[in-house]
Amino acid sequence: MFRRGRGIRLLIAWHVATALFLFRWIFRDPKVDVRFLAVGALFPDVVDLVTATVAGRFTTGELYAHSLIVPAVYMAAVLILTRRGRNRRAWFALGVAWLFHLLIDGMWADERVFLWPFLGWEMPVGAGSFWPEAVERALADPLRWGLEVIGMVYLGYVWVGAGFGDREIRLRFLRDGRIPQ
């Protein structure tokens, strides 16, 4: 279901909403900084899109940041370099959302990327540029747009439920990153 075709599925609302939903459902931590969750949910796509664009030789936008080893090393570094408390919780939330991103993308289906470098150091390389095919795939994939709508609906639900229509609540969220209960 998740792995239709090669290339990246840059789904902003879908990734953020799904990571937020999964985090709230699994961890039930009202103190989490949701801003870090949002960054973590988008981080692999941003890093790999930049890599694919700069290198200009990859046929996919799912590269190193979509492997399991990179977020695992990141999470280990967070545990080693931070102390218990708000900072660790925030940076850890970024890593958890990054792992959720890999789950949402179904990366286990592409073992060459997911298990990089354990199955070899090579990433999918092609003769053409990534972007022309990516635009064509984006316009031809109705599932992508359906998932974005679902993500927007969930984020709208959170917006209304948290009372973000109130300016004070929005300002408090911008200061501490917490969604009011």
Protein backbone atom coordinates (compact mmCIF):
# COMPACT_ATOMS: atom_id res chain seq x y z
CA MET A 1 0.00 0.00 0.00
CA PHE A 2 2.70 2.48 0.97
CA ARG A 3 5.32 1.65 -1.66
CA ARG A 4 3.69 2.39 -5.01
CA GLY A 5 6.47 3.30 -7.39
CA ARG A 6 9.97 4.61 -6.79
CA GLY A 7 10.80 7.96 -5.35
CA ILE A 8 9.76 10.07 -2.48
CA ARG A 9 6.25 10.82 -1.31
CA LEU A 10 6.61 14.34 0.00
CA LEU A 11 3.43 14.43 2.03
CA ILE A 12 3.64 17.27 4.51
CA ALA A 13 0.27 17.19 6.30
CA TRP A 14 0.09 13.39 6.15
CA HIS A 15 3.51 12.85 7.74
CA VAL A 16 3.03 15.50 10.44
CA ALA A 17 -0.51 14.38 11.28
CA THR A 18 0.35 10.68 11.37
CA ALA A 19 3.45 11.23 13.52
CA LEU A 20 1.44 13.43 15.90
CA PHE A 21 -1.40 10.89 16.07
CA LEU A 22 0.95 7.95 16.68
CA PHE A 23 2.95 9.82 19.30
CA ARG A 24 -0.14 10.94 21.20
CA TRP A 25 -1.67 7.45 20.95
CA ILE A 26 1.43 5.48 21.98
CA PHE A 27 3.25 7.78 24.42
CA ARG A 28 0.41 9.96 25.77
CA ASP A 29 2.96 12.60 26.77
CA PRO A 30 1.30 16.03 27.09
CA LYS A 31 4.69 17.65 27.72
CA VAL A 32 6.13 16.81 24.31
CA ASP A 33 7.25 19.70 22.13
CA VAL A 34 5.13 19.16 19.03
CA ARG A 35 7.40 21.44 16.99
CA PHE A 36 10.14 18.81 17.26
CA LEU A 37 7.67 16.10 16.25
CA ALA A 38 6.76 18.07 13.13
CA VAL A 39 10.42 18.60 12.19
CA GLY A 40 11.19 14.92 12.76
CA ALA A 41 8.24 13.85 10.64
CA LEU A 42 9.56 15.86 7.67
CA PHE A 43 13.30 15.57 8.31
CA PRO A 44 14.06 12.43 6.21
CA ASP A 45 12.34 13.84 3.14
CA VAL A 46 14.05 17.22 3.42
CA VAL A 47 17.53 15.73 3.91
CA ASP A 48 17.15 13.19 1.12
CA LEU A 49 15.59 15.67 -1.31
CA VAL A 50 18.53 18.00 -0.78
CA THR A 51 20.95 15.08 -1.23
CA ALA A 52 19.21 13.91 -4.43
CA THR A 53 19.12 17.45 -5.82
CA VAL A 54 22.73 18.31 -5.03
CA ALA A 55 24.14 14.95 -6.19
CA GLY A 56 21.92 14.91 -9.27
CA ARG A 57 22.50 11.20 -9.84
CA PHE A 58 19.87 9.49 -7.73
CA THR A 59 16.64 8.09 -9.14
CA THR A 60 14.90 8.23 -5.78
CA GLY A 61 14.47 10.75 -3.02
CA GLU A 62 14.55 8.04 -0.36
CA LEU A 63 18.20 7.78 0.50
CA TYR A 64 20.36 7.80 3.61
CA ALA A 65 17.91 9.50 5.98
CA HIS A 66 15.37 6.79 5.11
CA SER A 67 17.69 4.03 6.35
CA LEU A 68 17.26 2.60 9.83
CA ILE A 69 20.86 3.17 10.92
CA VAL A 70 20.84 6.98 10.62
CA PRO A 71 17.95 7.68 13.04
CA ALA A 72 19.27 4.92 15.34
CA VAL A 73 22.66 6.66 15.55
CA TYR A 74 20.86 9.98 16.07
CA MET A 75 18.80 8.53 18.96
CA ALA A 76 21.91 7.04 20.56
CA ALA A 77 23.64 10.44 20.32
CA VAL A 78 20.65 12.13 21.98
CA LEU A 79 20.77 9.64 24.84
CA ILE A 80 24.52 10.08 25.28
CA LEU A 81 24.72 13.87 24.85
CA THR A 82 21.66 15.07 26.75
CA ARG A 83 20.45 14.87 30.33
CA ARG A 84 16.98 13.94 31.44
CA GLY A 85 14.50 16.75 31.08
CA ARG A 86 12.87 19.01 28.56
CA ASN A 87 15.76 19.16 26.07
CA ARG A 88 16.15 15.38 25.90
CA ARG A 89 12.39 14.95 25.54
CA ALA A 90 12.31 17.44 22.65
CA TRP A 91 15.27 15.98 20.74
CA PHE A 92 14.03 12.47 21.41
CA ALA A 93 10.62 13.43 19.97
CA LEU A 94 12.37 14.43 16.74
CA GLY A 95 13.95 10.97 16.54
CA VAL A 96 10.71 9.17 17.32
CA ALA A 97 8.91 11.15 14.60
CA TRP A 98 11.76 10.30 12.20
CA LEU A 99 11.23 6.60 12.93
CA PHE A 100 7.47 7.05 12.50
CA HIS A 101 8.23 8.59 9.09
CA LEU A 102 10.08 5.43 8.07
CA LEU A 103 7.13 3.35 9.26
CA ILE A 104 4.59 5.53 7.44
CA ASP A 105 6.62 5.33 4.21
CA GLY A 106 6.84 1.53 4.50
CA MET A 107 10.60 1.66 4.11
CA TRP A 108 11.03 -1.99 5.09
CA ALA A 109 9.79 -2.83 1.58
CA ASP A 110 12.95 -1.29 0.08
CA GLU A 111 15.60 -3.22 1.97
CA ARG A 112 18.49 -1.68 -0.01
CA VAL A 113 17.68 1.72 1.47
CA PHE A 114 16.15 0.64 4.81
CA LEU A 115 19.08 -1.62 5.75
CA TRP A 116 21.80 0.57 4.28
CA PRO A 117 24.81 0.03 4.69
CA PHE A 118 24.34 -3.57 5.86
CA LEU A 119 23.34 -4.81 2.38
CA GLY A 120 25.91 -2.67 0.57
CA TRP A 121 26.99 0.93 0.32
CA GLU A 122 25.27 1.68 -2.99
CA MET A 123 22.08 3.72 -3.24
CA PRO A 124 19.76 3.64 -6.30
CA VAL A 125 21.56 5.60 -8.99
CA GLY A 126 20.21 6.38 -12.46
CA ALA A 127 21.05 8.24 -15.61
CA GLY A 128 18.39 10.91 -15.25
CA SER A 129 17.56 13.55 -12.72
CA PHE A 130 15.18 12.85 -9.86
CA TRP A 131 12.94 15.92 -10.25
CA PRO A 132 11.27 15.49 -13.67
CA GLU A 133 10.00 12.03 -12.74
CA ALA A 134 9.05 13.18 -9.23
CA VAL A 135 6.77 15.90 -10.57
CA GLU A 136 5.15 13.45 -12.98
CA ARG A 137 4.59 10.92 -10.17
CA ALA A 138 3.13 13.60 -7.89
CA LEU A 139 0.59 14.72 -10.46
CA ALA A 140 -0.41 11.16 -11.39
CA ASP A 141 -0.91 9.75 -7.88
CA PRO A 142 -4.39 10.37 -6.42
CA LEU A 143 -3.48 8.40 -3.26
CA ARG A 144 -0.90 11.08 -2.42
CA TRP A 145 -3.56 13.80 -2.49
CA GLY A 146 -6.04 11.68 -0.54
CA LEU A 147 -3.49 11.11 2.22
CA GLU A 148 -2.74 14.84 2.35
CA VAL A 149 -6.46 15.58 2.78
CA ILE A 150 -6.68 13.01 5.61
CA GLY A 151 -3.67 14.65 7.27
CA MET A 152 -5.22 18.11 6.95
CA VAL A 153 -8.50 16.87 8.43
CA TYR A 154 -6.69 15.41 11.44
CA LEU A 155 -4.62 18.57 11.93
CA GLY A 156 -7.84 20.60 11.71
CA TYR A 157 -9.37 18.33 14.34
CA VAL A 158 -6.37 18.96 16.62
CA TRP A 159 -6.58 22.72 15.90
CA VAL A 160 -10.24 22.90 16.93
CA GLY A 161 -9.85 20.51 19.87
CA ALA A 162 -6.91 22.46 21.31
CA GLY A 163 -8.63 25.80 20.86
CA PHE A 164 -5.99 27.25 18.55
CA GLY A 165 -8.56 29.76 17.36
CA ASP A 166 -7.67 31.72 20.52
CA ARG A 167 -4.64 33.96 19.98
CA GLU A 168 -3.31 33.40 23.53
CA ILE A 169 -3.35 29.62 23.10
CA ARG A 170 -1.49 29.94 19.79
CA LEU A 171 1.14 32.22 21.36
CA ARG A 172 1.61 29.81 24.27
CA PHE A 173 2.04 26.96 21.78
CA LEU A 174 4.66 28.94 19.86
CA ARG A 175 6.56 29.51 23.15
CA ASP A 176 6.51 25.97 24.56
CA GLY A 177 5.39 23.68 21.71
CA ARG A 178 2.76 21.95 23.80
CA ILE A 179 -0.78 21.26 22.65
CA PRO A 180 -3.27 22.24 25.39
CA GLN A 181 -5.28 19.34 26.77
